[in-house]
N, C-alpha and C. Protein backbone atom coordinates (compact mmCIF):
# COMPACT_ATOMS: atom_id res chain seq x y z
N MET A 1 0.96 -1.40 -0.06
CA MET A 1 -0.07 0.02 -0.09
C MET A 1 0.64 1.47 -0.11
N SER A 2 0.14 2.03 -0.90
CA SER A 2 1.50 3.23 -0.60
C SER A 2 0.76 4.32 0.44
N LEU A 3 2.33 5.34 1.22
CA LEU A 3 1.64 6.32 1.71
C LEU A 3 0.67 7.00 1.87
N GLU A 4 0.62 7.44 1.16
CA GLU A 4 -1.01 8.08 0.77
C GLU A 4 -2.28 7.01 1.44
N GLY A 5 -2.21 5.42 1.08
CA GLY A 5 -3.15 5.09 1.11
C GLY A 5 -2.91 4.81 2.73
N CYS A 6 -1.75 4.44 2.90
CA CYS A 6 -1.65 4.78 4.57
C CYS A 6 -2.10 5.34 5.01
N ARG A 7 -2.31 7.07 4.88
CA ARG A 7 -2.23 7.90 5.58
C ARG A 7 -3.91 8.29 5.76
N ARG A 8 -4.33 7.31 4.85
CA ARG A 8 -6.54 7.72 4.53
C ARG A 8 -6.19 6.96 5.33
N LEU A 9 -5.90 5.61 5.22
CA LEU A 9 -6.36 4.77 6.96
C LEU A 9 -6.35 4.87 8.07
N GLY A 10 -5.20 5.83 7.84
CA GLY A 10 -4.70 6.48 9.73
C GLY A 10 -3.68 5.67 10.39
N ALA A 11 -3.11 4.77 9.33
CA ALA A 11 -1.95 4.10 9.56
C ALA A 11 -0.29 4.22 9.12
N VAL A 12 -0.35 5.79 9.60
CA VAL A 12 0.93 6.48 9.60
C VAL A 12 1.92 6.19 10.74
N MET A 13 2.78 6.08 10.80
CA MET A 13 4.07 6.09 12.22
C MET A 13 4.57 7.43 12.34
N ARG A 14 4.11 7.80 13.47
CA ARG A 14 4.95 8.90 14.28
C ARG A 14 6.01 8.90 14.25
N VAL A 15 6.94 10.30 14.50
CA VAL A 15 8.25 10.41 15.35
C VAL A 15 7.57 11.27 15.63
N SER A 16 8.62 10.66 17.32
CA SER A 16 9.17 11.85 18.39
C SER A 16 10.28 11.96 18.68
N VAL A 17 10.97 13.00 19.12
CA VAL A 17 12.09 13.04 20.27
C VAL A 17 12.47 13.74 21.75
N TYR A 18 12.38 12.61 21.75
CA TYR A 18 12.20 13.05 23.48
C TYR A 18 13.56 13.38 23.97
N TRP A 19 13.51 14.44 24.97
CA TRP A 19 14.31 14.99 25.56
C TRP A 19 14.33 15.41 27.05
N PHE A 20 15.48 15.60 27.52
CA PHE A 20 15.72 16.61 29.51
C PHE A 20 15.55 17.06 29.30
N GLY A 21 15.49 19.00 29.37
CA GLY A 21 15.72 20.17 29.99
C GLY A 21 14.68 21.40 28.93
N ARG A 22 15.49 22.47 29.12
CA ARG A 22 14.84 23.49 28.64
C ARG A 22 15.14 23.89 27.48
N PRO A 23 14.35 23.89 26.79
CA PRO A 23 14.38 25.03 24.97
C PRO A 23 14.91 26.67 24.48
N ALA A 24 16.69 26.02 25.04
CA ALA A 24 17.13 27.34 25.10
C ALA A 24 17.31 28.21 23.93
N ARG A 25 17.46 29.73 24.14
CA ARG A 25 17.58 30.37 23.09
C ARG A 25 18.81 30.36 22.26
N SER A 26 18.35 29.76 20.74
CA SER A 26 19.74 29.85 19.93
C SER A 26 19.22 29.27 19.14
N PRO A 27 20.07 29.58 17.86
CA PRO A 27 20.39 29.16 16.21
C PRO A 27 19.52 27.87 16.41
N TYR A 28 20.33 27.06 16.90
CA TYR A 28 19.89 25.45 17.17
C TYR A 28 18.56 24.89 17.10
N GLU A 29 18.04 25.58 17.79
CA GLU A 29 16.14 25.68 18.40
C GLU A 29 15.62 25.63 17.04
N THR A 30 15.96 27.15 16.42
CA THR A 30 15.55 26.96 14.78
C THR A 30 15.69 26.35 14.08
N GLN A 31 16.87 25.43 14.04
CA GLN A 31 17.35 24.46 13.33
C GLN A 31 16.51 23.09 13.57
N VAL A 32 16.69 22.81 14.84
CA VAL A 32 14.95 22.09 14.93
C VAL A 32 13.93 22.28 14.68
N GLU A 33 12.88 23.03 15.16
CA GLU A 33 12.06 23.20 14.71
C GLU A 33 11.91 23.27 13.10
N ASP A 34 12.98 23.52 12.06
CA ASP A 34 12.55 23.11 10.18
C ASP A 34 12.91 22.49 10.58
N PHE A 35 13.82 21.09 11.04
CA PHE A 35 14.09 19.49 10.53
C PHE A 35 12.93 18.99 11.18
N ARG A 36 11.73 19.49 12.01
CA ARG A 36 11.62 18.78 12.37
C ARG A 36 9.93 19.14 11.53
N ARG A 37 9.71 20.06 11.02
CA ARG A 37 8.23 20.52 10.35
C ARG A 37 8.91 19.76 8.59
N ARG A 38 10.22 19.40 8.72
CA ARG A 38 10.42 19.04 7.02
C ARG A 38 10.63 17.49 6.96
N VAL A 39 10.14 17.26 8.90
CA VAL A 39 10.17 15.22 8.75
C VAL A 39 8.74 15.29 9.04
N SER A 40 7.96 16.12 9.14
CA SER A 40 6.49 15.90 9.24
C SER A 40 5.96 15.95 8.03
N ARG A 41 6.70 15.89 7.06
CA ARG A 41 5.96 16.27 5.63
C ARG A 41 5.38 14.17 5.83
N ARG A 42 6.47 13.71 6.14
CA ARG A 42 6.57 11.96 5.61
C ARG A 42 6.14 11.66 6.96
N TRP A 43 5.78 11.75 8.40
CA TRP A 43 5.94 10.89 9.06
C TRP A 43 5.16 12.33 10.45
N PRO A 44 4.49 12.31 10.78
CA PRO A 44 3.80 13.29 12.53
C PRO A 44 5.16 13.55 13.07
N ALA A 45 5.75 14.13 13.05
CA ALA A 45 6.62 14.88 14.10
C ALA A 45 6.58 15.32 15.31
N GLU A 46 7.55 14.94 16.49
CA GLU A 46 6.74 15.98 17.52
C GLU A 46 8.45 15.71 18.25
N ASP A 47 8.83 17.03 18.88
CA ASP A 47 10.07 17.37 19.99
C ASP A 47 9.49 17.65 21.47
N ILE A 48 9.30 16.72 22.40
CA ILE A 48 8.87 17.09 23.37
C ILE A 48 9.92 16.95 24.46
N ALA A 49 10.09 18.12 25.26
CA ALA A 49 11.65 18.04 25.94
C ALA A 49 10.57 17.35 27.66
N LEU A 50 10.94 16.91 28.19
CA LEU A 50 10.97 16.26 29.73
C LEU A 50 11.67 16.92 31.10
N LYS A 51 11.14 17.09 32.04
CA LYS A 51 11.58 18.27 32.92
C LYS A 51 12.74 16.94 33.40
N PRO A 52 13.98 17.43 33.78
CA PRO A 52 15.01 16.56 35.03
C PRO A 52 14.83 16.08 35.73
N ALA A 53 15.24 15.46 36.36
CA ALA A 53 15.23 14.47 38.14
C ALA A 53 16.04 15.89 38.69
N ASN A 54 15.75 17.15 38.73
CA ASN A 54 16.66 17.68 39.69
C ASN A 54 17.07 17.89 41.36
N SER A 55 15.72 17.35 41.37
CA SER A 55 15.55 17.19 43.34
C SER A 55 16.62 15.84 43.74
N LEU A 56 17.44 15.31 42.52
CA LEU A 56 17.55 13.75 42.92
C LEU A 56 19.60 14.14 42.34
N ARG A 57 19.99 15.68 41.85
CA ARG A 57 20.56 15.49 40.54
C ARG A 57 22.21 14.98 41.87
N GLU A 58 21.89 16.34 42.41
CA GLU A 58 23.48 16.48 43.31
C GLU A 58 23.76 14.84 44.38
N ALA A 59 22.02 14.50 44.91
CA ALA A 59 21.94 13.67 45.96
C ALA A 59 22.60 12.19 45.81
N ASP A 60 21.96 11.45 43.87
CA ASP A 60 22.05 10.16 43.85
C ASP A 60 21.28 10.21 42.50
N PRO A 61 23.05 10.62 41.59
CA PRO A 61 22.88 10.48 40.07
C PRO A 61 21.81 8.67 39.41
N ARG A 62 22.62 7.76 40.30
CA ARG A 62 21.95 6.81 39.61
C ARG A 62 20.38 7.11 39.51
N ALA A 63 20.01 7.63 41.06
CA ALA A 63 18.10 7.50 40.78
C ALA A 63 17.61 8.85 40.44
N ALA A 64 18.19 9.13 40.23
CA ALA A 64 18.35 10.85 39.48
C ALA A 64 17.71 9.72 37.89
N LEU A 65 19.10 8.86 36.89
CA LEU A 65 18.75 8.49 35.47
C LEU A 65 17.30 7.56 35.82
N VAL A 66 17.55 6.82 37.09
CA VAL A 66 15.84 5.57 36.99
C VAL A 66 14.36 6.39 36.89
N ARG A 67 14.39 7.87 37.66
CA ARG A 67 13.44 8.47 37.54
C ARG A 67 13.63 9.12 36.51
N GLU A 68 14.50 9.86 35.37
CA GLU A 68 14.16 10.34 33.77
C GLU A 68 13.69 9.20 33.13
N ALA A 69 14.24 8.11 33.30
CA ALA A 69 14.34 7.10 32.59
C ALA A 69 12.75 6.78 32.82
N GLU A 70 12.00 5.96 33.92
CA GLU A 70 10.44 6.01 34.54
C GLU A 70 9.65 7.24 33.70
N THR A 71 9.92 8.41 34.08
CA THR A 71 9.30 9.33 33.36
C THR A 71 9.47 10.01 31.80
N VAL A 72 9.55 9.16 31.57
CA VAL A 72 9.80 8.82 29.80
C VAL A 72 9.08 8.08 29.28
N LEU A 73 9.36 6.69 30.08
CA LEU A 73 8.79 5.83 29.55
C LEU A 73 6.96 5.78 30.22
N ALA A 74 7.06 6.61 31.18
CA ALA A 74 5.04 6.44 31.32
C ALA A 74 5.17 7.75 29.76
N ARG A 75 5.91 8.44 29.70
CA ARG A 75 5.05 8.92 28.22
C ARG A 75 4.89 8.78 26.99
N ILE A 76 6.15 7.15 26.61
CA ILE A 76 5.92 7.04 25.24
C ILE A 76 4.32 7.01 25.23
N PRO A 77 3.42 6.76 24.19
CA PRO A 77 2.47 5.80 23.19
C PRO A 77 2.69 3.74 24.25
N PRO A 78 2.13 3.07 24.06
CA PRO A 78 1.83 2.46 23.72
C PRO A 78 2.59 1.90 22.53
N ARG A 79 3.23 0.24 22.24
CA ARG A 79 3.47 -0.57 21.27
C ARG A 79 4.05 0.36 20.37
N TRP A 80 5.06 1.31 20.98
CA TRP A 80 5.89 2.28 19.34
C TRP A 80 7.55 2.01 20.35
N GLN A 81 8.08 1.76 18.46
CA GLN A 81 9.51 1.07 19.45
C GLN A 81 10.35 2.58 19.80
N LEU A 82 11.13 2.37 20.61
CA LEU A 82 11.93 2.96 21.21
C LEU A 82 13.29 2.96 21.13
N VAL A 83 13.45 3.72 20.48
CA VAL A 83 15.17 3.78 20.31
C VAL A 83 15.30 5.30 21.18
N VAL A 84 16.95 4.71 22.17
CA VAL A 84 18.04 5.09 22.91
C VAL A 84 19.40 5.50 22.43
N LEU A 85 19.53 6.63 22.51
CA LEU A 85 20.58 7.60 21.70
C LEU A 85 21.49 7.77 23.14
N ASP A 86 22.63 6.67 22.85
CA ASP A 86 23.72 5.94 23.94
C ASP A 86 24.81 6.77 23.08
N GLU A 87 26.45 6.96 23.30
CA GLU A 87 27.68 7.04 22.66
C GLU A 87 27.57 5.68 22.67
N HIS A 88 27.29 4.41 23.66
CA HIS A 88 27.34 3.22 23.42
C HIS A 88 26.76 2.46 22.51
N GLY A 89 26.26 3.07 21.94
CA GLY A 89 25.25 2.58 21.28
C GLY A 89 26.09 2.33 19.92
N GLN A 90 25.00 1.66 18.86
CA GLN A 90 25.44 1.12 17.57
C GLN A 90 25.82 2.15 16.76
N SER A 91 26.75 2.12 16.00
CA SER A 91 26.84 3.03 14.60
C SER A 91 26.39 3.35 13.82
N ARG A 92 25.65 4.25 12.96
CA ARG A 92 24.97 3.43 11.59
C ARG A 92 25.24 5.09 10.92
N THR A 93 24.91 4.14 9.11
CA THR A 93 25.54 5.60 8.78
C THR A 93 24.53 5.83 8.24
N SER A 94 24.04 7.28 7.13
CA SER A 94 23.35 7.58 6.85
C SER A 94 22.17 7.13 6.51
N THR A 95 22.18 5.99 5.38
CA THR A 95 21.21 5.07 4.71
C THR A 95 20.78 4.20 5.87
N ASN A 96 21.75 3.56 6.79
CA ASN A 96 21.29 2.38 6.90
C ASN A 96 20.41 2.60 7.42
N PHE A 97 20.65 3.97 8.98
CA PHE A 97 19.39 3.98 9.11
C PHE A 97 18.40 4.48 8.54
N ALA A 98 18.29 5.08 6.83
CA ALA A 98 16.82 5.12 7.06
C ALA A 98 16.03 4.27 6.44
N HIS A 99 16.62 2.67 6.30
CA HIS A 99 16.09 1.46 5.79
C HIS A 99 15.77 1.20 7.23
N PHE A 100 16.90 1.16 8.32
CA PHE A 100 15.89 0.94 9.11
C PHE A 100 14.41 1.28 10.15
N LEU A 101 14.55 2.68 9.72
CA LEU A 101 13.09 4.00 9.44
C LEU A 101 12.52 2.36 8.45
N GLN A 102 12.40 2.89 6.98
CA GLN A 102 12.00 2.07 6.09
C GLN A 102 11.28 1.07 7.01
N VAL A 103 12.41 -0.39 7.69
CA VAL A 103 11.79 -1.32 7.89
C VAL A 103 10.51 -1.22 9.12
N THR A 104 10.54 -0.34 9.98
CA THR A 104 10.72 -0.38 10.83
C THR A 104 9.08 0.24 10.54
N GLU A 105 8.91 1.04 9.38
CA GLU A 105 7.55 1.80 8.83
C GLU A 105 6.78 0.44 8.13
N ARG A 106 7.33 -0.40 7.98
CA ARG A 106 6.75 -1.33 7.09
C ARG A 106 6.14 -2.81 8.47
N GLN A 107 6.52 -2.51 9.16
CA GLN A 107 6.29 -3.33 10.33
C GLN A 107 4.64 -2.61 11.40
N ALA A 108 4.97 -1.70 10.68
CA ALA A 108 3.88 -0.39 11.48
C ALA A 108 2.95 0.03 12.87
N PRO A 109 4.48 -0.08 13.66
CA PRO A 109 4.39 0.23 14.91
C PRO A 109 3.67 1.75 14.89
N PRO A 110 2.67 1.95 15.91
CA PRO A 110 2.16 3.85 16.37
C PRO A 110 3.43 4.50 15.58
N GLY A 111 4.59 4.43 15.76
CA GLY A 111 4.90 5.20 16.48
C GLY A 111 6.96 4.22 16.73
N VAL A 112 7.82 6.17 16.18
CA VAL A 112 9.27 5.52 17.39
C VAL A 112 9.73 6.57 18.80
N ALA A 113 9.87 6.52 18.97
CA ALA A 113 10.09 7.07 20.51
C ALA A 113 11.49 7.26 20.09
N PHE A 114 12.20 8.99 19.97
CA PHE A 114 14.20 8.88 20.20
C PHE A 114 14.02 9.22 21.51
N VAL A 115 14.87 8.24 22.41
CA VAL A 115 15.13 9.51 23.92
C VAL A 115 16.45 9.49 23.75
N LEU A 116 16.86 11.14 23.85
CA LEU A 116 18.20 11.37 24.35
C LEU A 116 17.99 11.75 25.64
N GLY A 117 19.81 11.41 26.62
CA GLY A 117 19.20 11.27 28.17
C GLY A 117 19.37 13.62 28.99
N SER A 118 19.54 12.90 29.34
CA SER A 118 20.15 14.04 30.41
C SER A 118 20.98 14.63 30.28
N ASP A 119 21.84 15.35 30.82
CA ASP A 119 23.39 15.65 30.57
C ASP A 119 23.51 13.43 31.55
N LEU A 120 23.39 14.00 32.85
CA LEU A 120 24.23 12.74 32.98
C LEU A 120 24.19 11.40 32.63
N GLY A 121 23.13 11.25 31.61
CA GLY A 121 22.90 10.44 30.96
C GLY A 121 21.87 9.33 30.27
N VAL A 122 21.84 8.13 30.26
CA VAL A 122 21.20 7.41 30.03
C VAL A 122 20.88 6.27 31.29
N ALA A 123 20.12 5.85 32.18
CA ALA A 123 19.78 5.52 32.85
C ALA A 123 19.95 3.24 32.06
N SER A 124 20.41 2.61 32.21
CA SER A 124 21.01 1.73 32.16
C SER A 124 19.94 0.38 31.48
N SER A 125 18.63 1.09 32.77
CA SER A 125 17.37 0.02 32.00
C SER A 125 16.26 0.61 31.41
N LEU A 126 16.66 1.75 30.97
CA LEU A 126 16.02 2.39 29.93
C LEU A 126 16.50 1.71 28.75
N CYS A 127 18.41 1.90 28.54
CA CYS A 127 19.17 0.84 27.38
C CYS A 127 18.22 -0.72 27.20
N ASP A 128 17.95 -1.56 28.47
CA ASP A 128 18.03 -2.47 28.25
C ASP A 128 16.24 -2.80 27.97
N GLN A 129 15.55 -2.02 27.53
CA GLN A 129 14.09 -2.00 27.87
C GLN A 129 13.58 -1.09 26.34
N ALA A 130 15.12 -0.56 25.39
CA ALA A 130 14.56 -0.18 24.01
C ALA A 130 14.96 -1.59 23.40
N ASP A 131 14.58 -0.64 22.02
CA ASP A 131 14.39 -2.07 20.85
C ASP A 131 15.21 -1.43 20.35
N VAL A 132 15.74 -0.57 20.59
CA VAL A 132 17.31 -0.32 19.81
C VAL A 132 18.09 1.05 20.33
N VAL A 133 19.72 0.23 21.43
CA VAL A 133 20.37 1.75 20.89
C VAL A 133 21.48 2.47 20.06
N LEU A 134 21.54 3.73 19.89
CA LEU A 134 21.98 4.21 18.42
C LEU A 134 22.70 4.93 18.86
N SER A 135 23.54 4.80 18.56
CA SER A 135 25.30 6.15 19.05
C SER A 135 25.30 7.63 17.44
N LEU A 136 25.82 8.66 18.39
CA LEU A 136 25.26 9.57 17.09
C LEU A 136 26.61 9.66 16.95
N SER A 137 27.60 9.65 17.53
CA SER A 137 28.91 9.47 18.38
C SER A 137 29.75 9.12 18.59
N PRO A 138 30.54 8.25 18.74
CA PRO A 138 31.78 7.60 20.40
C PRO A 138 32.63 8.93 21.54
N MET A 139 31.83 10.18 20.63
CA MET A 139 32.61 11.23 21.70
C MET A 139 31.29 12.20 22.15
N THR A 140 30.97 12.67 23.43
CA THR A 140 30.24 13.40 24.29
C THR A 140 29.80 14.71 23.29
N LEU A 141 28.72 14.68 23.06
CA LEU A 141 28.46 16.73 22.52
C LEU A 141 27.37 16.95 23.30
N PRO A 142 27.25 17.97 23.18
CA PRO A 142 26.34 18.84 23.81
C PRO A 142 25.11 18.60 23.39
N HIS A 143 24.05 18.22 24.21
CA HIS A 143 22.56 18.03 24.42
C HIS A 143 21.63 18.73 22.93
N LEU A 144 21.98 20.09 23.17
CA LEU A 144 21.47 20.71 22.02
C LEU A 144 21.91 20.50 20.46
N LEU A 145 23.32 20.32 20.80
CA LEU A 145 23.81 19.22 18.89
C LEU A 145 23.49 17.90 18.65
N ALA A 146 23.22 17.26 19.77
CA ALA A 146 22.65 15.77 19.70
C ALA A 146 21.15 16.22 19.27
N ARG A 147 20.45 17.12 19.89
CA ARG A 147 19.03 16.64 19.11
C ARG A 147 18.95 17.34 17.97
N LEU A 148 20.16 18.18 17.54
CA LEU A 148 19.54 19.04 15.81
C LEU A 148 20.51 17.60 15.68
N MET A 149 21.28 16.82 15.67
CA MET A 149 21.77 15.81 14.62
C MET A 149 20.55 14.91 14.53
N VAL A 150 19.83 14.36 15.51
CA VAL A 150 18.87 13.72 15.63
C VAL A 150 17.85 14.25 14.53
N TRP A 151 16.90 15.02 14.64
CA TRP A 151 16.63 15.82 13.82
C TRP A 151 16.88 16.26 12.48
N GLU A 152 18.16 15.70 12.52
CA GLU A 152 18.72 16.34 10.60
C GLU A 152 18.59 14.46 9.92
N GLN A 153 19.40 13.86 10.99
CA GLN A 153 19.05 12.52 10.79
C GLN A 153 17.90 12.33 10.10
N LEU A 154 16.78 12.45 10.50
CA LEU A 154 15.33 11.61 10.35
C LEU A 154 15.02 12.94 9.37
N TYR A 155 15.52 13.53 9.00
CA TYR A 155 15.26 14.78 7.58
C TYR A 155 15.36 13.62 6.83
N ARG A 156 17.30 13.69 7.01
CA ARG A 156 18.00 13.00 5.88
C ARG A 156 17.97 11.83 5.42
N ALA A 157 17.03 10.67 6.21
CA ALA A 157 16.49 9.82 6.34
C ALA A 157 14.79 10.02 5.29
N THR A 158 14.30 10.98 5.71
CA THR A 158 12.58 11.14 4.82
C THR A 158 13.82 11.09 3.09
N ASP A 159 14.46 12.13 2.90
CA ASP A 159 15.36 12.24 1.50
C ASP A 159 15.65 11.13 1.10
N ILE A 160 16.38 10.02 1.89
CA ILE A 160 16.61 9.08 0.95
C ILE A 160 15.64 8.04 0.94
N LEU A 161 14.91 8.29 1.30
CA LEU A 161 13.78 7.19 1.04
C LEU A 161 12.68 7.74 0.15
N GLY A 162 12.70 8.76 -0.08
CA GLY A 162 11.81 9.89 -1.14
C GLY A 162 11.91 10.22 -1.74
N PRO A 163 11.57 10.79 -2.83
CA PRO A 163 12.54 11.86 -4.06
C PRO A 163 12.97 13.29 -3.21
N GLY A 164 13.83 12.97 -3.16
CA GLY A 164 14.65 14.30 -2.94
C GLY A 164 16.21 14.63 -3.51
N ASN A 165 16.71 15.88 -3.15
CA ASN A 165 17.62 16.59 -3.50
C ASN A 165 18.63 15.85 -2.16
N TYR A 166 18.53 16.10 -1.37
CA TYR A 166 18.96 16.47 0.23
C TYR A 166 20.55 15.71 0.39
N HIS A 167 20.04 15.17 0.33
CA HIS A 167 21.38 13.98 0.73
C HIS A 167 22.14 13.50 -0.68
N ARG A 168 23.75 13.24 -0.74
CA ARG A 168 24.34 13.72 -1.45
C ARG A 168 25.10 12.41 -1.30
N ALA A 169 24.78 11.58 -0.83
CA ALA A 169 25.82 10.04 -0.93
C ALA A 169 26.72 9.82 -2.08
N GLY A 170 28.36 9.08 -1.89
CA GLY A 170 28.87 9.20 -3.06
C GLY A 170 29.54 9.54 -4.33
N ILE A 171 29.34 11.19 -4.04
CA ILE A 171 30.23 12.87 -4.75
C ILE A 171 32.00 12.51 -3.79
N SER A 172 31.99 12.06 -4.88
CA SER A 172 33.86 12.61 -4.51
C SER A 172 34.23 13.86 -4.72
């Protein structure tokens, strides 16, 4: 069935990026919103800020991570694919990431939830529950830059999967 046919039946996969913190005044925020809008042309997309577990951060960082994991899991709708972004996750090329999304879309989950941890990281219990743990880089990235990279790669995936001219692979 075509994407348009799926849309008529209400079977379009949704995409959400969950992250901990508050939006900052930054040119990156504008770019995040631009890529989110572009992704929305193929998949309904949301950028969802969650409150970090500030009360536990100093006294017990591990407990803060567990609370944050509980917070995000409570927000993700049932049957959604859970993709946790962590520096120790799998690395993928942009084309491989697009293929992953295409396969996921064909499996017809209601949506895919991408989760970025707080500045403390991600609870191991959240990684254990994830369908996939991905790494954007083996390096530690600033939170806002990581968010921007997720949205940019989601947009790039839509371009790879559909007619587009944004992704330029193989040009030397």
